[in-house]
PDB file of N, CA and C in Angstrom:
ATOM      1  N   UNK A   1      70.651 -99.098 -20.408  1.00  0.00           N
ATOM      2  CA  UNK A   1      70.772 -97.652 -20.390  1.00  0.00           C
ATOM      3  C   UNK A   1      72.075 -97.310 -19.689  1.00  0.00           C
ATOM      4  N   UNK A   2      72.994 -96.773 -20.452  1.00  0.00           N
ATOM      5  CA  UNK A   2      74.304 -96.460 -19.914  1.00  0.00           C
ATOM      6  C   UNK A   2      74.388 -95.025 -19.425  1.00  0.00           C
ATOM      7  N   UNK A   3      75.515 -94.717 -18.836  1.00  0.00           N
ATOM      8  CA  UNK A   3      75.751 -93.388 -18.284  1.00  0.00           C
ATOM      9  C   UNK A   3      75.860 -92.341 -19.393  1.00  0.00           C
ATOM     10  N   UNK A   4      76.420 -92.733 -20.544  1.00  0.00           N
ATOM     11  CA  UNK A   4      76.616 -91.776 -21.639  1.00  0.00           C
ATOM     12  C   UNK A   4      75.307 -91.444 -22.340  1.00  0.00           C
ATOM     13  N   UNK A   5      74.350 -92.376 -22.363  1.00  0.00           N
ATOM     14  CA  UNK A   5      73.089 -92.086 -23.051  1.00  0.00           C
ATOM     15  C   UNK A   5      72.260 -91.054 -22.277  1.00  0.00           C
ATOM     16  N   UNK A   6      72.540 -90.894 -21.001  1.00  0.00           N
ATOM     17  CA  UNK A   6      71.824 -89.910 -20.205  1.00  0.00           C
ATOM     18  C   UNK A   6      72.233 -88.488 -20.584  1.00  0.00           C
ATOM     19  N   UNK A   7      73.493 -88.307 -20.989  1.00  0.00           N
ATOM     20  CA  UNK A   7      74.012 -86.984 -21.308  1.00  0.00           C
ATOM     21  C   UNK A   7      74.123 -86.707 -22.805  1.00  0.00           C
ATOM     22  N   UNK A   8      73.560 -87.549 -23.656  1.00  0.00           N
ATOM     23  CA  UNK A   8      73.615 -87.302 -25.095  1.00  0.00           C
ATOM     24  C   UNK A   8      72.777 -86.080 -25.449  1.00  0.00           C
ATOM     25  N   UNK A   9      73.367 -85.227 -26.239  1.00  0.00           N
ATOM     26  CA  UNK A   9      72.655 -84.030 -26.683  1.00  0.00           C
ATOM     27  C   UNK A   9      72.102 -84.278 -28.076  1.00  0.00           C
ATOM     28  N   UNK A  10      70.923 -83.783 -28.362  1.00  0.00           N
ATOM     29  CA  UNK A  10      70.388 -83.964 -29.712  1.00  0.00           C
ATOM     30  C   UNK A  10      71.169 -83.113 -30.715  1.00  0.00           C
ATOM     31  N   UNK A  11      71.225 -83.584 -31.933  1.00  0.00           N
ATOM     32  CA  UNK A  11      71.917 -82.844 -32.988  1.00  0.00           C
ATOM     33  C   UNK A  11      71.130 -81.583 -33.320  1.00  0.00           C
ATOM     34  N   UNK A  12      71.847 -80.539 -33.676  1.00  0.00           N
ATOM     35  CA  UNK A  12      71.182 -79.309 -34.069  1.00  0.00           C
ATOM     36  C   UNK A  12      70.616 -79.457 -35.484  1.00  0.00           C
ATOM     37  N   UNK A  13      69.596 -78.676 -35.760  1.00  0.00           N
ATOM     38  CA  UNK A  13      68.973 -78.744 -37.077  1.00  0.00           C
ATOM     39  C   UNK A  13      69.833 -78.000 -38.086  1.00  0.00           C
ATOM     40  N   UNK A  14      69.969 -78.569 -39.247  1.00  0.00           N
ATOM     41  CA  UNK A  14      70.755 -77.949 -40.306  1.00  0.00           C
ATOM     42  C   UNK A  14      69.809 -77.471 -41.401  1.00  0.00           C
ATOM     43  N   UNK A  15      70.088 -76.291 -41.903  1.00  0.00           N
ATOM     44  CA  UNK A  15      69.271 -75.722 -42.957  1.00  0.00           C
ATOM     45  C   UNK A  15      70.123 -75.541 -44.197  1.00  0.00           C
ATOM     46  N   UNK A  16      69.541 -75.820 -45.321  1.00  0.00           N
ATOM     47  CA  UNK A  16      70.223 -75.628 -46.590  1.00  0.00           C
ATOM     48  C   UNK A  16      69.456 -74.554 -47.354  1.00  0.00           C
ATOM     49  N   UNK A  17      69.816 -73.304 -47.105  1.00  0.00           N
ATOM     50  CA  UNK A  17      69.109 -72.190 -47.725  1.00  0.00           C
ATOM     51  C   UNK A  17      69.931 -71.701 -48.908  1.00  0.00           C
ATOM     52  N   UNK A  18      69.320 -71.715 -50.057  1.00  0.00           N
ATOM     53  CA  UNK A  18      69.977 -71.204 -51.257  1.00  0.00           C
ATOM     54  C   UNK A  18      69.660 -69.714 -51.381  1.00  0.00           C
ATOM     55  N   UNK A  19      70.666 -68.848 -51.342  1.00  0.00           N
ATOM     56  CA  UNK A  19      70.384 -67.408 -51.447  1.00  0.00           C
ATOM     57  C   UNK A  19      69.870 -67.048 -52.841  1.00  0.00           C
ATOM     58  N   UNK A  20      68.990 -66.062 -52.881  1.00  0.00           N
ATOM     59  CA  UNK A  20      68.442 -65.576 -54.140  1.00  0.00           C
ATOM     60  C   UNK A  20      69.041 -64.218 -54.427  1.00  0.00           C
ATOM     61  N   UNK A  21      69.182 -63.940 -55.705  1.00  0.00           N
ATOM     62  CA  UNK A  21      69.688 -62.630 -56.092  1.00  0.00           C
ATOM     63  C   UNK A  21      68.521 -61.661 -56.146  1.00  0.00           C
ATOM     64  N   UNK A  22      68.671 -60.515 -55.514  1.00  0.00           N
ATOM     65  CA  UNK A  22      67.618 -59.503 -55.483  1.00  0.00           C
ATOM     66  C   UNK A  22      68.191 -58.203 -56.010  1.00  0.00           C
ATOM     67  N   UNK A  23      67.565 -57.667 -57.020  1.00  0.00           N
ATOM     68  CA  UNK A  23      68.016 -56.418 -57.629  1.00  0.00           C
ATOM     69  C   UNK A  23      66.994 -55.332 -57.308  1.00  0.00           C
ATOM     70  N   UNK A  24      67.265 -54.480 -56.312  1.00  0.00           N
ATOM     71  CA  UNK A  24      66.279 -53.458 -55.940  1.00  0.00           C
ATOM     72  C   UNK A  24      66.034 -52.444 -57.043  1.00  0.00           C
ATOM     73  N   UNK A  25      67.049 -52.123 -57.841  1.00  0.00           N
ATOM     74  CA  UNK A  25      66.864 -51.155 -58.920  1.00  0.00           C
ATOM     75  C   UNK A  25      65.895 -51.696 -59.966  1.00  0.00           C
ATOM     76  N   UNK A  26      66.037 -52.971 -60.316  1.00  0.00           N
ATOM     77  CA  UNK A  26      65.139 -53.581 -61.296  1.00  0.00           C
ATOM     78  C   UNK A  26      63.714 -53.640 -60.756  1.00  0.00           C
ATOM     79  N   UNK A  27      63.577 -53.965 -59.486  1.00  0.00           N
ATOM     80  CA  UNK A  27      62.247 -54.043 -58.883  1.00  0.00           C
ATOM     81  C   UNK A  27      61.572 -52.673 -58.863  1.00  0.00           C
ATOM     82  N   UNK A  28      62.322 -51.630 -58.522  1.00  0.00           N
ATOM     83  CA  UNK A  28      61.754 -50.277 -58.526  1.00  0.00           C
ATOM     84  C   UNK A  28      61.384 -49.841 -59.937  1.00  0.00           C
ATOM     85  N   UNK A  29      62.236 -50.188 -60.921  1.00  0.00           N
ATOM     86  CA  UNK A  29      61.957 -49.824 -62.309  1.00  0.00           C
ATOM     87  C   UNK A  29      60.680 -50.500 -62.801  1.00  0.00           C
ATOM     88  N   UNK A  30      60.522 -51.788 -62.506  1.00  0.00           N
ATOM     89  CA  UNK A  30      59.317 -52.507 -62.933  1.00  0.00           C
ATOM     90  C   UNK A  30      58.076 -51.958 -62.243  1.00  0.00           C
ATOM     91  N   UNK A  31      58.198 -51.604 -60.975  1.00  0.00           N
ATOM     92  CA  UNK A  31      57.075 -51.030 -60.245  1.00  0.00           C
ATOM     93  C   UNK A  31      56.682 -49.679 -60.838  1.00  0.00           C
ATOM     94  N   UNK A  32      57.680 -48.868 -61.183  1.00  0.00           N
ATOM     95  CA  UNK A  32      57.416 -47.566 -61.794  1.00  0.00           C
ATOM     96  C   UNK A  32      56.742 -47.739 -63.159  1.00  0.00           C
ATOM     97  N   UNK A  33      57.205 -48.714 -63.951  1.00  0.00           N
ATOM     98  CA  UNK A  33      56.578 -48.980 -65.251  1.00  0.00           C
ATOM     99  C   UNK A  33      55.129 -49.406 -65.089  1.00  0.00           C
ATOM    100  N   UNK A  34      54.850 -50.250 -64.094  1.00  0.00           N
ATOM    101  CA  UNK A  34      53.470 -50.690 -63.836  1.00  0.00           C
ATOM    102  C   UNK A  34      52.580 -49.508 -63.465  1.00  0.00           C
ATOM    103  N   UNK A  35      53.104 -48.604 -62.595  1.00  0.00           N
ATOM    104  CA  UNK A  35      52.304 -47.437 -62.209  1.00  0.00           C
ATOM    105  C   UNK A  35      52.042 -46.523 -63.398  1.00  0.00           C
ATOM    106  N   UNK A  36      53.040 -46.336 -64.262  1.00  0.00           N
ATOM    107  CA  UNK A  36      52.856 -45.484 -65.435  1.00  0.00           C
ATOM    108  C   UNK A  36      51.827 -46.094 -66.382  1.00  0.00           C
ATOM    109  N   UNK A  37      51.902 -47.413 -66.592  1.00  0.00           N
ATOM    110  CA  UNK A  37      50.907 -48.081 -67.445  1.00  0.00           C
ATOM    111  C   UNK A  37      49.509 -47.945 -66.860  1.00  0.00           C
ATOM    112  N   UNK A  38      49.410 -48.046 -65.527  1.00  0.00           N
ATOM    113  CA  UNK A  38      48.087 -47.923 -64.885  1.00  0.00           C
ATOM    114  C   UNK A  38      47.559 -46.496 -65.037  1.00  0.00           C
ATOM    115  N   UNK A  39      48.428 -45.500 -64.928  1.00  0.00           N
ATOM    116  CA  UNK A  39      47.993 -44.108 -65.083  1.00  0.00           C
ATOM    117  C   UNK A  39      47.556 -43.820 -66.514  1.00  0.00           C
ATOM    118  N   UNK A  40      48.214 -44.447 -67.485  1.00  0.00           N
ATOM    119  CA  UNK A  40      47.870 -44.231 -68.887  1.00  0.00           C
ATOM    120  C   UNK A  40      46.648 -45.047 -69.294  1.00  0.00           C
ATOM    121  N   UNK A  41      46.231 -45.968 -68.443  1.00  0.00           N
ATOM    122  CA  UNK A  41      45.056 -46.781 -68.740  1.00  0.00           C
ATOM    123  C   UNK A  41      45.397 -48.062 -69.475  1.00  0.00           C
ATOM    124  N   UNK A  42      46.658 -48.398 -69.603  1.00  0.00           N
ATOM    125  CA  UNK A  42      47.064 -49.637 -70.265  1.00  0.00           C
ATOM    126  C   UNK A  42      47.110 -50.748 -69.227  1.00  0.00           C
ATOM    127  N   UNK A  43      46.326 -51.767 -69.439  1.00  0.00           N
ATOM    128  CA  UNK A  43      46.287 -52.894 -68.505  1.00  0.00           C
ATOM    129  C   UNK A  43      46.777 -54.149 -69.197  1.00  0.00           C
ATOM    130  N   UNK A  44      47.585 -54.906 -68.488  1.00  0.00           N
ATOM    131  CA  UNK A  44      48.054 -56.194 -68.977  1.00  0.00           C
ATOM    132  C   UNK A  44      47.274 -57.262 -68.220  1.00  0.00           C
ATOM    133  N   UNK A  45      46.416 -57.992 -68.921  1.00  0.00           N
ATOM    134  CA  UNK A  45      45.524 -58.954 -68.250  1.00  0.00           C
ATOM    135  C   UNK A  45      46.270 -60.160 -67.681  1.00  0.00           C
ATOM    136  N   UNK A  46      47.384 -60.552 -68.309  1.00  0.00           N
ATOM    137  CA  UNK A  46      48.072 -61.756 -67.820  1.00  0.00           C
ATOM    138  C   UNK A  46      49.114 -61.434 -66.749  1.00  0.00           C
ATOM    139  N   UNK A  47      49.193 -60.203 -66.317  1.00  0.00           N
ATOM    140  CA  UNK A  47      50.151 -59.823 -65.285  1.00  0.00           C
ATOM    141  C   UNK A  47      49.597 -60.168 -63.907  1.00  0.00           C
ATOM    142  N   UNK A  48      50.401 -60.816 -63.099  1.00  0.00           N
ATOM    143  CA  UNK A  48      49.956 -61.158 -61.754  1.00  0.00           C
ATOM    144  C   UNK A  48      50.442 -60.104 -60.770  1.00  0.00           C
ATOM    145  N   UNK A  49      49.717 -59.939 -59.675  1.00  0.00           N
ATOM    146  CA  UNK A  49      50.052 -58.945 -58.667  1.00  0.00           C
ATOM    147  C   UNK A  49      51.114 -59.512 -57.743  1.00  0.00           C
ATOM    148  N   UNK A  50      52.231 -58.800 -57.610  1.00  0.00           N
ATOM    149  CA  UNK A  50      53.314 -59.184 -56.703  1.00  0.00           C
ATOM    150  C   UNK A  50      53.543 -58.012 -55.760  1.00  0.00           C
ATOM    151  N   UNK A  51      53.233 -58.164 -54.484  1.00  0.00           N
ATOM    152  CA  UNK A  51      53.417 -57.041 -53.561  1.00  0.00           C
ATOM    153  C   UNK A  51      54.890 -56.742 -53.337  1.00  0.00           C
ATOM    154  N   UNK A  52      55.190 -55.481 -53.171  1.00  0.00           N
ATOM    155  CA  UNK A  52      56.562 -55.027 -52.967  1.00  0.00           C
ATOM    156  C   UNK A  52      56.725 -54.612 -51.506  1.00  0.00           C
ATOM    157  N   UNK A  53      56.526 -55.546 -50.609  1.00  0.00           N
ATOM    158  CA  UNK A  53      56.548 -55.235 -49.183  1.00  0.00           C
ATOM    159  C   UNK A  53      57.953 -54.878 -48.723  1.00  0.00           C
ATOM    160  N   UNK A  54      58.943 -55.635 -49.165  1.00  0.00           N
ATOM    161  CA  UNK A  54      60.309 -55.401 -48.708  1.00  0.00           C
ATOM    162  C   UNK A  54      60.805 -54.028 -49.150  1.00  0.00           C
ATOM    163  N   UNK A  55      60.566 -53.678 -50.391  1.00  0.00           N
ATOM    164  CA  UNK A  55      61.000 -52.384 -50.896  1.00  0.00           C
ATOM    165  C   UNK A  55      60.259 -51.238 -50.243  1.00  0.00           C
ATOM    166  N   UNK A  56      58.955 -51.411 -50.009  1.00  0.00           N
ATOM    167  CA  UNK A  56      58.162 -50.361 -49.370  1.00  0.00           C
ATOM    168  C   UNK A  56      58.603 -50.135 -47.934  1.00  0.00           C
ATOM    169  N   UNK A  57      58.884 -51.215 -47.207  1.00  0.00           N
ATOM    170  CA  UNK A  57      59.317 -51.064 -45.822  1.00  0.00           C
ATOM    171  C   UNK A  57      60.629 -50.298 -45.755  1.00  0.00           C
ATOM    172  N   UNK A  58      61.566 -50.611 -46.650  1.00  0.00           N
ATOM    173  CA  UNK A  58      62.848 -49.915 -46.643  1.00  0.00           C
ATOM    174  C   UNK A  58      62.660 -48.433 -46.941  1.00  0.00           C
ATOM    175  N   UNK A  59      61.816 -48.119 -47.932  1.00  0.00           N
ATOM    176  CA  UNK A  59      61.628 -46.709 -48.269  1.00  0.00           C
ATOM    177  C   UNK A  59      60.896 -45.970 -47.152  1.00  0.00           C
ATOM    178  N   UNK A  60      59.938 -46.613 -46.508  1.00  0.00           N
ATOM    179  CA  UNK A  60      59.218 -45.971 -45.406  1.00  0.00           C
ATOM    180  C   UNK A  60      60.159 -45.716 -44.229  1.00  0.00           C
ATOM    181  N   UNK A  61      61.037 -46.672 -43.939  1.00  0.00           N
ATOM    182  CA  UNK A  61      61.971 -46.488 -42.839  1.00  0.00           C
ATOM    183  C   UNK A  61      62.991 -45.401 -43.154  1.00  0.00           C
ATOM    184  N   UNK A  62      63.393 -45.305 -44.429  1.00  0.00           N
ATOM    185  CA  UNK A  62      64.341 -44.269 -44.820  1.00  0.00           C
ATOM    186  C   UNK A  62      63.734 -42.884 -44.674  1.00  0.00           C
ATOM    187  N   UNK A  63      62.457 -42.754 -44.983  1.00  0.00           N
ATOM    188  CA  UNK A  63      61.808 -41.448 -44.934  1.00  0.00           C
ATOM    189  C   UNK A  63      61.262 -41.116 -43.556  1.00  0.00           C
ATOM    190  N   UNK A  64      61.415 -42.002 -42.604  1.00  0.00           N
ATOM    191  CA  UNK A  64      61.056 -41.722 -41.218  1.00  0.00           C
ATOM    192  C   UNK A  64      59.569 -41.736 -40.930  1.00  0.00           C
ATOM    193  N   UNK A  65      58.805 -42.539 -41.658  1.00  0.00           N
ATOM    194  CA  UNK A  65      57.368 -42.577 -41.395  1.00  0.00           C
ATOM    195  C   UNK A  65      57.036 -43.437 -40.187  1.00  0.00           C
ATOM    196  N   UNK A  66      57.922 -44.362 -39.848  1.00  0.00           N
ATOM    197  CA  UNK A  66      57.729 -45.166 -38.651  1.00  0.00           C
ATOM    198  C   UNK A  66      58.503 -44.491 -37.529  1.00  0.00           C
ATOM    199  N   UNK A  67      57.792 -43.953 -36.565  1.00  0.00           N
ATOM    200  CA  UNK A  67      58.432 -43.184 -35.503  1.00  0.00           C
ATOM    201  C   UNK A  67      58.627 -44.071 -34.283  1.00  0.00           C
ATOM    202  N   UNK A  68      59.870 -44.372 -33.978  1.00  0.00           N
ATOM    203  CA  UNK A  68      60.153 -45.192 -32.802  1.00  0.00           C
ATOM    204  C   UNK A  68      60.344 -44.316 -31.567  1.00  0.00           C
ATOM    205  N   UNK A  69      60.514 -43.005 -31.756  1.00  0.00           N
ATOM    206  CA  UNK A  69      60.697 -42.123 -30.603  1.00  0.00           C
ATOM    207  C   UNK A  69      59.442 -42.067 -29.747  1.00  0.00           C
ATOM    208  N   UNK A  70      58.272 -42.066 -30.358  1.00  0.00           N
ATOM    209  CA  UNK A  70      57.023 -42.044 -29.601  1.00  0.00           C
ATOM    210  C   UNK A  70      56.876 -43.281 -28.735  1.00  0.00           C
ATOM    211  N   UNK A  71      57.210 -44.430 -29.292  1.00  0.00           N
ATOM    212  CA  UNK A  71      57.141 -45.675 -28.517  1.00  0.00           C
ATOM    213  C   UNK A  71      58.178 -45.660 -27.401  1.00  0.00           C
ATOM    214  N   UNK A  72      59.367 -45.120 -27.681  1.00  0.00           N
ATOM    215  CA  UNK A  72      60.416 -45.067 -26.671  1.00  0.00           C
ATOM    216  C   UNK A  72      60.007 -44.139 -25.532  1.00  0.00           C
ATOM    217  N   UNK A  73      59.391 -42.998 -25.847  1.00  0.00           N
ATOM    218  CA  UNK A  73      58.947 -42.070 -24.809  1.00  0.00           C
ATOM    219  C   UNK A  73      57.873 -42.698 -23.928  1.00  0.00           C
ATOM    220  N   UNK A  74      56.930 -43.410 -24.543  1.00  0.00           N
ATOM    221  CA  UNK A  74      55.887 -44.081 -23.756  1.00  0.00           C
ATOM    222  C   UNK A  74      56.495 -45.125 -22.827  1.00  0.00           C
ATOM    223  N   UNK A  75      57.474 -45.852 -23.337  1.00  0.00           N
ATOM    224  CA  UNK A  75      58.123 -46.870 -22.524  1.00  0.00           C
ATOM    225  C   UNK A  75      58.867 -46.239 -21.351  1.00  0.00           C
ATOM    226  N   UNK A  76      59.546 -45.117 -21.592  1.00  0.00           N
ATOM    227  CA  UNK A  76      60.276 -44.448 -20.509  1.00  0.00           C
ATOM    228  C   UNK A  76      59.330 -43.895 -19.458  1.00  0.00           C
ATOM    229  N   UNK A  77      58.205 -43.340 -19.868  1.00  0.00           N
ATOM    230  CA  UNK A  77      57.219 -42.814 -18.911  1.00  0.00           C
ATOM    231  C   UNK A  77      56.643 -43.950 -18.072  1.00  0.00           C
ATOM    232  N   UNK A  78      56.348 -45.071 -18.726  1.00  0.00           N
ATOM    233  CA  UNK A  78      55.812 -46.227 -18.013  1.00  0.00           C
ATOM    234  C   UNK A  78      56.826 -46.744 -17.000  1.00  0.00           C
ATOM    235  N   UNK A  79      58.087 -46.811 -17.387  1.00  0.00           N
ATOM    236  CA  UNK A  79      59.139 -47.265 -16.485  1.00  0.00           C
ATOM    237  C   UNK A  79      59.288 -46.325 -15.294  1.00  0.00           C
ATOM    238  N   UNK A  80      59.244 -45.030 -15.525  1.00  0.00           N
ATOM    239  CA  UNK A  80      59.339 -44.044 -14.453  1.00  0.00           C
ATOM    240  C   UNK A  80      58.161 -44.177 -13.488  1.00  0.00           C
ATOM    241  N   UNK A  81      56.964 -44.366 -14.029  1.00  0.00           N
ATOM    242  CA  UNK A  81      55.778 -44.519 -13.190  1.00  0.00           C
ATOM    243  C   UNK A  81      55.879 -45.771 -12.316  1.00  0.00           C
ATOM    244  N   UNK A  82      56.341 -46.869 -12.885  1.00  0.00           N
ATOM    245  CA  UNK A  82      56.509 -48.102 -12.107  1.00  0.00           C
ATOM    246  C   UNK A  82      57.544 -47.898 -11.006  1.00  0.00           C
ATOM    247  N   UNK A  83      58.635 -47.205 -11.309  1.00  0.00           N
ATOM    248  CA  UNK A  83      59.667 -46.940 -10.313  1.00  0.00           C
ATOM    249  C   UNK A  83      59.127 -46.088  -9.169  1.00  0.00           C
ATOM    250  N   UNK A  84      58.338 -45.060  -9.495  1.00  0.00           N
ATOM    251  CA  UNK A  84      57.771 -44.196  -8.458  1.00  0.00           C
ATOM    252  C   UNK A  84      56.805 -44.990  -7.581  1.00  0.00           C
ATOM    253  N   UNK A  85      55.951 -45.801  -8.185  1.00  0.00           N
ATOM    254  CA  UNK A  85      54.999 -46.596  -7.402  1.00  0.00           C
ATOM    255  C   UNK A  85      55.713 -47.610  -6.503  1.00  0.00           C
ATOM    256  N   UNK A  86      56.742 -48.262  -7.008  1.00  0.00           N
ATOM    257  CA  UNK A  86      57.480 -49.220  -6.185  1.00  0.00           C
ATOM    258  C   UNK A  86      58.234 -48.519  -5.056  1.00  0.00           C
ATOM    259  N   UNK A  87      58.767 -47.332  -5.332  1.00  0.00           N
ATOM    260  CA  UNK A  87      59.448 -46.574  -4.280  1.00  0.00           C
ATOM    261  C   UNK A  87      58.465 -46.165  -3.182  1.00  0.00           C
ATOM    262  N   UNK A  88      57.274 -45.730  -3.597  1.00  0.00           N
ATOM    263  CA  UNK A  88      56.243 -45.355  -2.626  1.00  0.00           C
ATOM    264  C   UNK A  88      55.812 -46.557  -1.788  1.00  0.00           C
ATOM    265  N   UNK A  89      55.648 -47.710  -2.446  1.00  0.00           N
ATOM    266  CA  UNK A  89      55.254 -48.925  -1.726  1.00  0.00           C
ATOM    267  C   UNK A  89      56.357 -49.347  -0.748  1.00  0.00           C
ATOM    268  N   UNK A  90      57.612 -49.225  -1.144  1.00  0.00           N
ATOM    269  CA  UNK A  90      58.712 -49.584  -0.245  1.00  0.00           C
ATOM    270  C   UNK A  90      58.781 -48.619   0.928  1.00  0.00           C
ATOM    271  N   UNK A  91      58.523 -47.328   0.710  1.00  0.00           N
ATOM    272  CA  UNK A  91      58.531 -46.341   1.793  1.00  0.00           C
ATOM    273  C   UNK A  91      57.427 -46.639   2.802  1.00  0.00           C
ATOM    274  N   UNK A  92      56.238 -46.960   2.288  1.00  0.00           N
ATOM    275  CA  UNK A  92      55.124 -47.298   3.181  1.00  0.00           C
ATOM    276  C   UNK A  92      55.437 -48.566   3.954  1.00  0.00           C
ATOM    277  N   UNK A  93      56.042 -49.555   3.305  1.00  0.00           N
ATOM    278  CA  UNK A  93      56.381 -50.802   3.969  1.00  0.00           C
ATOM    279  C   UNK A  93      57.402 -50.577   5.090  1.00  0.00           C
ATOM    280  N   UNK A  94      58.393 -49.738   4.836  1.00  0.00           N
ATOM    281  CA  UNK A  94      59.452 -49.512   5.824  1.00  0.00           C
ATOM    282  C   UNK A  94      59.012 -48.585   6.961  1.00  0.00           C
ATOM    283  N   UNK A  95      58.310 -47.499   6.644  1.00  0.00           N
ATOM    284  CA  UNK A  95      57.989 -46.491   7.648  1.00  0.00           C
ATOM    285  C   UNK A  95      56.520 -46.447   8.052  1.00  0.00           C
ATOM    286  N   UNK A  96      55.679 -47.167   7.335  1.00  0.00           N
ATOM    287  CA  UNK A  96      54.257 -47.196   7.669  1.00  0.00           C
ATOM    288  C   UNK A  96      53.510 -45.964   7.198  1.00  0.00           C
ATOM    289  N   UNK A  97      52.196 -45.918   7.463  1.00  0.00           N
ATOM    290  CA  UNK A  97      51.370 -44.813   7.017  1.00  0.00           C
ATOM    291  C   UNK A  97      51.617 -43.560   7.832  1.00  0.00           C
ATOM    292  N   UNK A  98      52.220 -43.686   9.019  1.00  0.00           N
ATOM    293  CA  UNK A  98      52.476 -42.510   9.858  1.00  0.00           C
ATOM    294  C   UNK A  98      53.473 -41.540   9.206  1.00  0.00           C
ATOM    295  N   UNK A  99      54.456 -42.070   8.473  1.00  0.00           N
ATOM    296  CA  UNK A  99      55.437 -41.234   7.821  1.00  0.00           C
ATOM    297  C   UNK A  99      54.893 -40.529   6.588  1.00  0.00           C
ATOM    298  N   UNK A 100      53.808 -41.053   6.012  1.00  0.00           N
ATOM    299  CA  UNK A 100      53.222 -40.474   4.802  1.00  0.00           C
ATOM    300  C   UNK A 100      52.356 -39.284   5.148  1.00  0.00           C
ATOM    301  N   UNK A 101      51.549 -39.410   6.185  1.00  0.00           N
ATOM    302  CA  UNK A 101      50.602 -38.359   6.535  1.00  0.00           C
ATOM    303  C   UNK A 101      51.207 -37.345   7.403  1.00  0.00           C
TER     304      UNK A 101
END
C-alpha cells in the first residue's frame, strides 16, 4: 500500500443520455383530437393511455394555479416567530426573569 493509493479519487460516473425530440404543438394537437373524439363518442379501442404530465404542469404554472406566495408567506411568518422566540430566550438568559416582570 503506497502513499499514492491513499489519495486516489474514484472516477466520476459518466452518463450517455440520448436527447429526444419533443414537439409540444403536436402533443397538444393529439390531445385535443382525443378529447374531441371522446366528446363525440368515438372510441379507439387499440389506443393506449399516455399521460400528459409535462404539458399539464407547464400550462398550470403558466396560468398561476400553483401559488408559491402562500408558501413563502408561511415560511416568512415561521421565520419571524422563531426569531422572536430566540430573542426572548436570549433576553431571559442575559437579564433573568427579573427584567421580564
